[in-house]
Amino acid sequence: DRDENQVALYACKSGADFAEIAAFRADLIARE
């Protein structure tokens, strides 16, 4: 869905590290 509001419901309140999955999603978007 790529919905940041929904992501916030399931992500850590602090100290989250989503660098790798963010790169993965950016690659998906670029290829699309």
ModelCIF file with pLDDT and N, C-alpha, C, O atoms, coordinates in Angstrom:
data_MODEL
#
_entry.id   MODEL 
#
_entity.id                         1 
_entity.type                       polymer 
_entity.pdbx_number_of_molecules   1 
#
_entity_poly.entity_id                      1 
_entity_poly.type                           'polypeptide(L)' 
_entity_poly.nstd_linkage                   no 
_entity_poly.nstd_monomer                   no 
_entity_poly.pdbx_seq_one_letter_code       DRDENQVALYACKSGADFAEIAAFRADLIARE 
_entity_poly.pdbx_seq_one_letter_code_can   DRDENQVALYACKSGADFAEIAAFRADLIARE 
_entity_poly.pdbx_strand_id                 A 
#
loop_
_entity_poly_seq.entity_id 
_entity_poly_seq.num 
_entity_poly_seq.mon_id 
_entity_poly_seq.hetero 
1 1  ASP n 
1 2  ARG n 
1 3  ASP n 
1 4  GLU n 
1 5  ASN n 
1 6  GLN n 
1 7  VAL n 
1 8  ALA n 
1 9  LEU n 
1 10 TYR n 
1 11 ALA n 
1 12 CYS n 
1 13 LYS n 
1 14 SER n 
1 15 GLY n 
1 16 ALA n 
1 17 ASP n 
1 18 PHE n 
1 19 ALA n 
1 20 GLU n 
1 21 ILE n 
1 22 ALA n 
1 23 ALA n 
1 24 PHE n 
1 25 ARG n 
1 26 ALA n 
1 27 ASP n 
1 28 LEU n 
1 29 ILE n 
1 30 ALA n 
1 31 ARG n 
1 32 GLU n 
#
_struct_asym.id          A 
_struct_asym.entity_id   1 
#
loop_
_ma_qa_metric.id 
_ma_qa_metric.mode 
_ma_qa_metric.name 
_ma_qa_metric.software_group_id 
_ma_qa_metric.type 
1 global pLDDT . pLDDT 
2 local  pLDDT . pLDDT 
#
_ma_qa_metric_global.metric_id      1 
_ma_qa_metric_global.metric_value   93.44 
_ma_qa_metric_global.model_id       1 
_ma_qa_metric_global.ordinal_id     1 
#
loop_
_ma_qa_metric_local.label_asym_id 
_ma_qa_metric_local.label_comp_id 
_ma_qa_metric_local.label_seq_id 
_ma_qa_metric_local.metric_id 
_ma_qa_metric_local.metric_value 
_ma_qa_metric_local.model_id 
_ma_qa_metric_local.ordinal_id 
A ASP 1  2 94.00 1 1  
A ARG 2  2 94.00 1 2  
A ASP 3  2 95.00 1 3  
A GLU 4  2 93.00 1 4  
A ASN 5  2 93.00 1 5  
A GLN 6  2 93.00 1 6  
A VAL 7  2 94.00 1 7  
A ALA 8  2 92.00 1 8  
A LEU 9  2 92.00 1 9  
A TYR 10 2 94.00 1 10 
A ALA 11 2 94.00 1 11 
A CYS 12 2 92.00 1 12 
A LYS 13 2 84.00 1 13 
A SER 14 2 86.00 1 14 
A GLY 15 2 87.00 1 15 
A ALA 16 2 91.00 1 16 
A ASP 17 2 94.00 1 17 
A PHE 18 2 95.00 1 18 
A ALA 19 2 96.00 1 19 
A GLU 20 2 97.00 1 20 
A ILE 21 2 96.00 1 21 
A ALA 22 2 96.00 1 22 
A ALA 23 2 96.00 1 23 
A PHE 24 2 96.00 1 24 
A ARG 25 2 96.00 1 25 
A ALA 26 2 96.00 1 26 
A ASP 27 2 95.00 1 27 
A LEU 28 2 94.00 1 28 
A ILE 29 2 95.00 1 29 
A ALA 30 2 96.00 1 30 
A ARG 31 2 92.00 1 31 
A GLU 32 2 92.00 1 32 
#
loop_
_atom_site.group_PDB 
_atom_site.id 
_atom_site.type_symbol 
_atom_site.label_atom_id 
_atom_site.label_alt_id 
_atom_site.label_comp_id 
_atom_site.label_asym_id 
_atom_site.label_entity_id 
_atom_site.label_seq_id 
_atom_site.pdbx_PDB_ins_code 
_atom_site.Cartn_x 
_atom_site.Cartn_y 
_atom_site.Cartn_z 
_atom_site.occupancy 
_atom_site.B_iso_or_equiv 
_atom_site.pdbx_formal_charge 
_atom_site.auth_seq_id 
_atom_site.auth_comp_id 
_atom_site.auth_asym_id 
_atom_site.auth_atom_id 
_atom_site.pdbx_PDB_model_num 
ATOM 1   N N  . ASP A 1 1  ? 0.813  -1.216 0.000   1.00 94.00 ? 1  ASP A N  1 
ATOM 2   C CA . ASP A 1 1  ? 0.000  0.000  0.000   1.00 94.00 ? 1  ASP A CA 1 
ATOM 3   C C  . ASP A 1 1  ? 0.851  1.274  0.000   1.00 94.00 ? 1  ASP A C  1 
ATOM 4   O O  . ASP A 1 1  ? 0.410  2.323  -0.468  1.00 94.00 ? 1  ASP A O  1 
ATOM 5   N N  . ARG A 1 2  ? 2.066  1.170  0.525   1.00 94.00 ? 2  ARG A N  1 
ATOM 6   C CA . ARG A 1 2  ? 2.991  2.309  0.643   1.00 94.00 ? 2  ARG A CA 1 
ATOM 7   C C  . ARG A 1 2  ? 2.326  3.477  1.371   1.00 94.00 ? 2  ARG A C  1 
ATOM 8   O O  . ARG A 1 2  ? 2.329  4.617  0.907   1.00 94.00 ? 2  ARG A O  1 
ATOM 9   N N  . ASP A 1 3  ? 1.770  3.152  2.505   1.00 95.00 ? 3  ASP A N  1 
ATOM 10  C CA . ASP A 1 3  ? 1.006  4.101  3.312   1.00 95.00 ? 3  ASP A CA 1 
ATOM 11  C C  . ASP A 1 3  ? 1.746  4.351  4.629   1.00 95.00 ? 3  ASP A C  1 
ATOM 12  O O  . ASP A 1 3  ? 1.718  3.516  5.534   1.00 95.00 ? 3  ASP A O  1 
ATOM 13  N N  . GLU A 1 4  ? 2.399  5.494  4.724   1.00 93.00 ? 4  GLU A N  1 
ATOM 14  C CA . GLU A 1 4  ? 3.206  5.814  5.903   1.00 93.00 ? 4  GLU A CA 1 
ATOM 15  C C  . GLU A 1 4  ? 2.376  5.908  7.184   1.00 93.00 ? 4  GLU A C  1 
ATOM 16  O O  . GLU A 1 4  ? 2.877  5.603  8.266   1.00 93.00 ? 4  GLU A O  1 
ATOM 17  N N  . ASN A 1 5  ? 1.122  6.324  7.072   1.00 93.00 ? 5  ASN A N  1 
ATOM 18  C CA . ASN A 1 5  ? 0.262  6.384  8.262   1.00 93.00 ? 5  ASN A CA 1 
ATOM 19  C C  . ASN A 1 5  ? 0.011  4.989  8.814   1.00 93.00 ? 5  ASN A C  1 
ATOM 20  O O  . ASN A 1 5  ? 0.017  4.788  10.029  1.00 93.00 ? 5  ASN A O  1 
ATOM 21  N N  . GLN A 1 6  ? -0.208 4.031  7.930   1.00 93.00 ? 6  GLN A N  1 
ATOM 22  C CA . GLN A 1 6  ? -0.398 2.643  8.363   1.00 93.00 ? 6  GLN A CA 1 
ATOM 23  C C  . GLN A 1 6  ? 0.914  2.057  8.895   1.00 93.00 ? 6  GLN A C  1 
ATOM 24  O O  . GLN A 1 6  ? 0.909  1.318  9.880   1.00 93.00 ? 6  GLN A O  1 
ATOM 25  N N  . VAL A 1 7  ? 2.023  2.383  8.253   1.00 94.00 ? 7  VAL A N  1 
ATOM 26  C CA . VAL A 1 7  ? 3.331  1.890  8.705   1.00 94.00 ? 7  VAL A CA 1 
ATOM 27  C C  . VAL A 1 7  ? 3.576  2.317  10.149  1.00 94.00 ? 7  VAL A C  1 
ATOM 28  O O  . VAL A 1 7  ? 4.075  1.535  10.958  1.00 94.00 ? 7  VAL A O  1 
ATOM 29  N N  . ALA A 1 8  ? 3.227  3.549  10.465  1.00 92.00 ? 8  ALA A N  1 
ATOM 30  C CA . ALA A 1 8  ? 3.454  4.071  11.820  1.00 92.00 ? 8  ALA A CA 1 
ATOM 31  C C  . ALA A 1 8  ? 2.709  3.274  12.882  1.00 92.00 ? 8  ALA A C  1 
ATOM 32  O O  . ALA A 1 8  ? 3.137  3.235  14.036  1.00 92.00 ? 8  ALA A O  1 
ATOM 33  N N  . LEU A 1 9  ? 1.608  2.641  12.515  1.00 92.00 ? 9  LEU A N  1 
ATOM 34  C CA . LEU A 1 9  ? 0.848  1.845  13.475  1.00 92.00 ? 9  LEU A CA 1 
ATOM 35  C C  . LEU A 1 9  ? 1.578  0.576  13.887  1.00 92.00 ? 9  LEU A C  1 
ATOM 36  O O  . LEU A 1 9  ? 1.320  0.032  14.961  1.00 92.00 ? 9  LEU A O  1 
ATOM 37  N N  . TYR A 1 10 ? 2.486  0.100  13.041  1.00 94.00 ? 10 TYR A N  1 
ATOM 38  C CA . TYR A 1 10 ? 3.169  -1.165 13.286  1.00 94.00 ? 10 TYR A CA 1 
ATOM 39  C C  . TYR A 1 10 ? 4.665  -1.003 13.552  1.00 94.00 ? 10 TYR A C  1 
ATOM 40  O O  . TYR A 1 10 ? 5.338  -1.983 13.868  1.00 94.00 ? 10 TYR A O  1 
ATOM 41  N N  . ALA A 1 11 ? 5.193  0.201  13.431  1.00 94.00 ? 11 ALA A N  1 
ATOM 42  C CA . ALA A 1 11 ? 6.625  0.444  13.617  1.00 94.00 ? 11 ALA A CA 1 
ATOM 43  C C  . ALA A 1 11 ? 6.933  0.780  15.068  1.00 94.00 ? 11 ALA A C  1 
ATOM 44  O O  . ALA A 1 11 ? 6.060  1.224  15.814  1.00 94.00 ? 11 ALA A O  1 
ATOM 45  N N  . CYS A 1 12 ? 8.187  0.562  15.458  1.00 92.00 ? 12 CYS A N  1 
ATOM 46  C CA . CYS A 1 12 ? 8.645  0.915  16.802  1.00 92.00 ? 12 CYS A CA 1 
ATOM 47  C C  . CYS A 1 12 ? 8.398  2.387  17.073  1.00 92.00 ? 12 CYS A C  1 
ATOM 48  O O  . CYS A 1 12 ? 8.409  3.218  16.165  1.00 92.00 ? 12 CYS A O  1 
ATOM 49  N N  . LYS A 1 13 ? 8.176  2.689  18.345  1.00 84.00 ? 13 LYS A N  1 
ATOM 50  C CA . LYS A 1 13 ? 7.948  4.078  18.724  1.00 84.00 ? 13 LYS A CA 1 
ATOM 51  C C  . LYS A 1 13 ? 9.232  4.895  18.579  1.00 84.00 ? 13 LYS A C  1 
ATOM 52  O O  . LYS A 1 13 ? 9.184  6.082  18.256  1.00 84.00 ? 13 LYS A O  1 
ATOM 53  N N  . SER A 1 14 ? 10.379 4.256  18.817  1.00 86.00 ? 14 SER A N  1 
ATOM 54  C CA . SER A 1 14 ? 11.666 4.943  18.636  1.00 86.00 ? 14 SER A CA 1 
ATOM 55  C C  . SER A 1 14 ? 12.744 3.907  18.341  1.00 86.00 ? 14 SER A C  1 
ATOM 56  O O  . SER A 1 14 ? 12.613 2.736  18.699  1.00 86.00 ? 14 SER A O  1 
ATOM 57  N N  . GLY A 1 15 ? 13.803 4.351  17.688  1.00 87.00 ? 15 GLY A N  1 
ATOM 58  C CA . GLY A 1 15 ? 14.943 3.483  17.402  1.00 87.00 ? 15 GLY A CA 1 
ATOM 59  C C  . GLY A 1 15 ? 14.745 2.520  16.251  1.00 87.00 ? 15 GLY A C  1 
ATOM 60  O O  . GLY A 1 15 ? 15.452 1.516  16.169  1.00 87.00 ? 15 GLY A O  1 
ATOM 61  N N  . ALA A 1 16 ? 13.820 2.789  15.373  1.00 91.00 ? 16 ALA A N  1 
ATOM 62  C CA . ALA A 1 16 ? 13.586 1.902  14.233  1.00 91.00 ? 16 ALA A CA 1 
ATOM 63  C C  . ALA A 1 16 ? 14.663 2.099  13.172  1.00 91.00 ? 16 ALA A C  1 
ATOM 64  O O  . ALA A 1 16 ? 15.124 3.217  12.946  1.00 91.00 ? 16 ALA A O  1 
ATOM 65  N N  . ASP A 1 17 ? 15.063 0.997  12.517  1.00 94.00 ? 17 ASP A N  1 
ATOM 66  C CA . ASP A 1 17 ? 16.061 1.045  11.450  1.00 94.00 ? 17 ASP A CA 1 
ATOM 67  C C  . ASP A 1 17 ? 15.468 0.353  10.216  1.00 94.00 ? 17 ASP A C  1 
ATOM 68  O O  . ASP A 1 17 ? 15.460 -0.874 10.115  1.00 94.00 ? 17 ASP A O  1 
ATOM 69  N N  . PHE A 1 18 ? 14.980 1.161  9.296   1.00 95.00 ? 18 PHE A N  1 
ATOM 70  C CA . PHE A 1 18 ? 14.370 0.624  8.089   1.00 95.00 ? 18 PHE A CA 1 
ATOM 71  C C  . PHE A 1 18 ? 15.177 0.979  6.835   1.00 95.00 ? 18 PHE A C  1 
ATOM 72  O O  . PHE A 1 18 ? 14.615 1.074  5.744   1.00 95.00 ? 18 PHE A O  1 
ATOM 73  N N  . ALA A 1 19 ? 16.481 1.175  6.986   1.00 96.00 ? 19 ALA A N  1 
ATOM 74  C CA . ALA A 1 19 ? 17.320 1.594  5.857   1.00 96.00 ? 19 ALA A CA 1 
ATOM 75  C C  . ALA A 1 19 ? 17.297 0.568  4.725   1.00 96.00 ? 19 ALA A C  1 
ATOM 76  O O  . ALA A 1 19 ? 17.146 0.939  3.561   1.00 96.00 ? 19 ALA A O  1 
ATOM 77  N N  . GLU A 1 20 ? 17.446 -0.724 5.054   1.00 97.00 ? 20 GLU A N  1 
ATOM 78  C CA . GLU A 1 20 ? 17.494 -1.745 4.001   1.00 97.00 ? 20 GLU A CA 1 
ATOM 79  C C  . GLU A 1 20 ? 16.162 -1.905 3.280   1.00 97.00 ? 20 GLU A C  1 
ATOM 80  O O  . GLU A 1 20 ? 16.122 -2.000 2.053   1.00 97.00 ? 20 GLU A O  1 
ATOM 81  N N  . ILE A 1 21 ? 15.083 -1.935 4.034   1.00 96.00 ? 21 ILE A N  1 
ATOM 82  C CA . ILE A 1 21 ? 13.779 -2.112 3.389   1.00 96.00 ? 21 ILE A CA 1 
ATOM 83  C C  . ILE A 1 21 ? 13.359 -0.831 2.658   1.00 96.00 ? 21 ILE A C  1 
ATOM 84  O O  . ILE A 1 21 ? 12.607 -0.884 1.686   1.00 96.00 ? 21 ILE A O  1 
ATOM 85  N N  . ALA A 1 22 ? 13.850 0.318  3.132   1.00 96.00 ? 22 ALA A N  1 
ATOM 86  C CA . ALA A 1 22 ? 13.585 1.577  2.417   1.00 96.00 ? 22 ALA A CA 1 
ATOM 87  C C  . ALA A 1 22 ? 14.295 1.566  1.069   1.00 96.00 ? 22 ALA A C  1 
ATOM 88  O O  . ALA A 1 22 ? 13.737 2.023  0.071   1.00 96.00 ? 22 ALA A O  1 
ATOM 89  N N  . ALA A 1 23 ? 15.518 1.050  1.031   1.00 96.00 ? 23 ALA A N  1 
ATOM 90  C CA . ALA A 1 23 ? 16.251 0.935  -0.234  1.00 96.00 ? 23 ALA A CA 1 
ATOM 91  C C  . ALA A 1 23 ? 15.549 -0.058 -1.164  1.00 96.00 ? 23 ALA A C  1 
ATOM 92  O O  . ALA A 1 23 ? 15.471 0.159  -2.373  1.00 96.00 ? 23 ALA A O  1 
ATOM 93  N N  . PHE A 1 24 ? 15.044 -1.137 -0.590  1.00 96.00 ? 24 PHE A N  1 
ATOM 94  C CA . PHE A 1 24 ? 14.302 -2.143 -1.359  1.00 96.00 ? 24 PHE A CA 1 
ATOM 95  C C  . PHE A 1 24 ? 13.056 -1.518 -1.993  1.00 96.00 ? 24 PHE A C  1 
ATOM 96  O O  . PHE A 1 24 ? 12.784 -1.721 -3.177  1.00 96.00 ? 24 PHE A O  1 
ATOM 97  N N  . ARG A 1 25 ? 12.305 -0.757 -1.196  1.00 96.00 ? 25 ARG A N  1 
ATOM 98  C CA . ARG A 1 25 ? 11.092 -0.110 -1.708  1.00 96.00 ? 25 ARG A CA 1 
ATOM 99  C C  . ARG A 1 25 ? 11.440 0.953  -2.751  1.00 96.00 ? 25 ARG A C  1 
ATOM 100 O O  . ARG A 1 25 ? 10.747 1.070  -3.762  1.00 96.00 ? 25 ARG A O  1 
ATOM 101 N N  . ALA A 1 26 ? 12.496 1.722  -2.524  1.00 96.00 ? 26 ALA A N  1 
ATOM 102 C CA . ALA A 1 26 ? 12.916 2.739  -3.501  1.00 96.00 ? 26 ALA A CA 1 
ATOM 103 C C  . ALA A 1 26 ? 13.286 2.082  -4.824  1.00 96.00 ? 26 ALA A C  1 
ATOM 104 O O  . ALA A 1 26 ? 12.981 2.618  -5.890  1.00 96.00 ? 26 ALA A O  1 
ATOM 105 N N  . ASP A 1 27 ? 13.941 0.923  -4.762  1.00 95.00 ? 27 ASP A N  1 
ATOM 106 C CA . ASP A 1 27 ? 14.298 0.190  -5.976  1.00 95.00 ? 27 ASP A CA 1 
ATOM 107 C C  . ASP A 1 27 ? 13.032 -0.281 -6.707  1.00 95.00 ? 27 ASP A C  1 
ATOM 108 O O  . ASP A 1 27 ? 12.951 -0.201 -7.933  1.00 95.00 ? 27 ASP A O  1 
ATOM 109 N N  . LEU A 1 28 ? 12.045 -0.774 -5.942  1.00 94.00 ? 28 LEU A N  1 
ATOM 110 C CA . LEU A 1 28 ? 10.775 -1.190 -6.560  1.00 94.00 ? 28 LEU A CA 1 
ATOM 111 C C  . LEU A 1 28 ? 10.107 -0.029 -7.294  1.00 94.00 ? 28 LEU A C  1 
ATOM 112 O O  . LEU A 1 28 ? 9.667  -0.167 -8.435  1.00 94.00 ? 28 LEU A O  1 
ATOM 113 N N  . ILE A 1 29 ? 10.042 1.100  -6.627  1.00 95.00 ? 29 ILE A N  1 
ATOM 114 C CA . ILE A 1 29 ? 9.392  2.281  -7.204  1.00 95.00 ? 29 ILE A CA 1 
ATOM 115 C C  . ILE A 1 29 ? 10.137 2.753  -8.444  1.00 95.00 ? 29 ILE A C  1 
ATOM 116 O O  . ILE A 1 29 ? 9.515  3.117  -9.443  1.00 95.00 ? 29 ILE A O  1 
ATOM 117 N N  . ALA A 1 30 ? 11.468 2.747  -8.386  1.00 96.00 ? 30 ALA A N  1 
ATOM 118 C CA . ALA A 1 30 ? 12.270 3.177  -9.533  1.00 96.00 ? 30 ALA A CA 1 
ATOM 119 C C  . ALA A 1 30 ? 12.067 2.245  -10.728 1.00 96.00 ? 30 ALA A C  1 
ATOM 120 O O  . ALA A 1 30 ? 11.927 2.704  -11.862 1.00 96.00 ? 30 ALA A O  1 
ATOM 121 N N  . ARG A 1 31 ? 12.051 0.943  -10.473 1.00 92.00 ? 31 ARG A N  1 
ATOM 122 C CA . ARG A 1 31 ? 11.845 -0.021 -11.562 1.00 92.00 ? 31 ARG A CA 1 
ATOM 123 C C  . ARG A 1 31 ? 10.442 0.101  -12.164 1.00 92.00 ? 31 ARG A C  1 
ATOM 124 O O  . ARG A 1 31 ? 10.267 -0.001 -13.378 1.00 92.00 ? 31 ARG A O  1 
ATOM 125 N N  . GLU A 1 32 ? 9.454  0.321  -11.308 1.00 92.00 ? 32 GLU A N  1 
ATOM 126 C CA . GLU A 1 32 ? 8.093  0.503  -11.812 1.00 92.00 ? 32 GLU A CA 1 
ATOM 127 C C  . GLU A 1 32 ? 8.016  1.720  -12.730 1.00 92.00 ? 32 GLU A C  1 
ATOM 128 O O  . GLU A 1 32 ? 6.945  2.033  -13.252 1.00 92.00 ? 32 GLU A O  1 
#
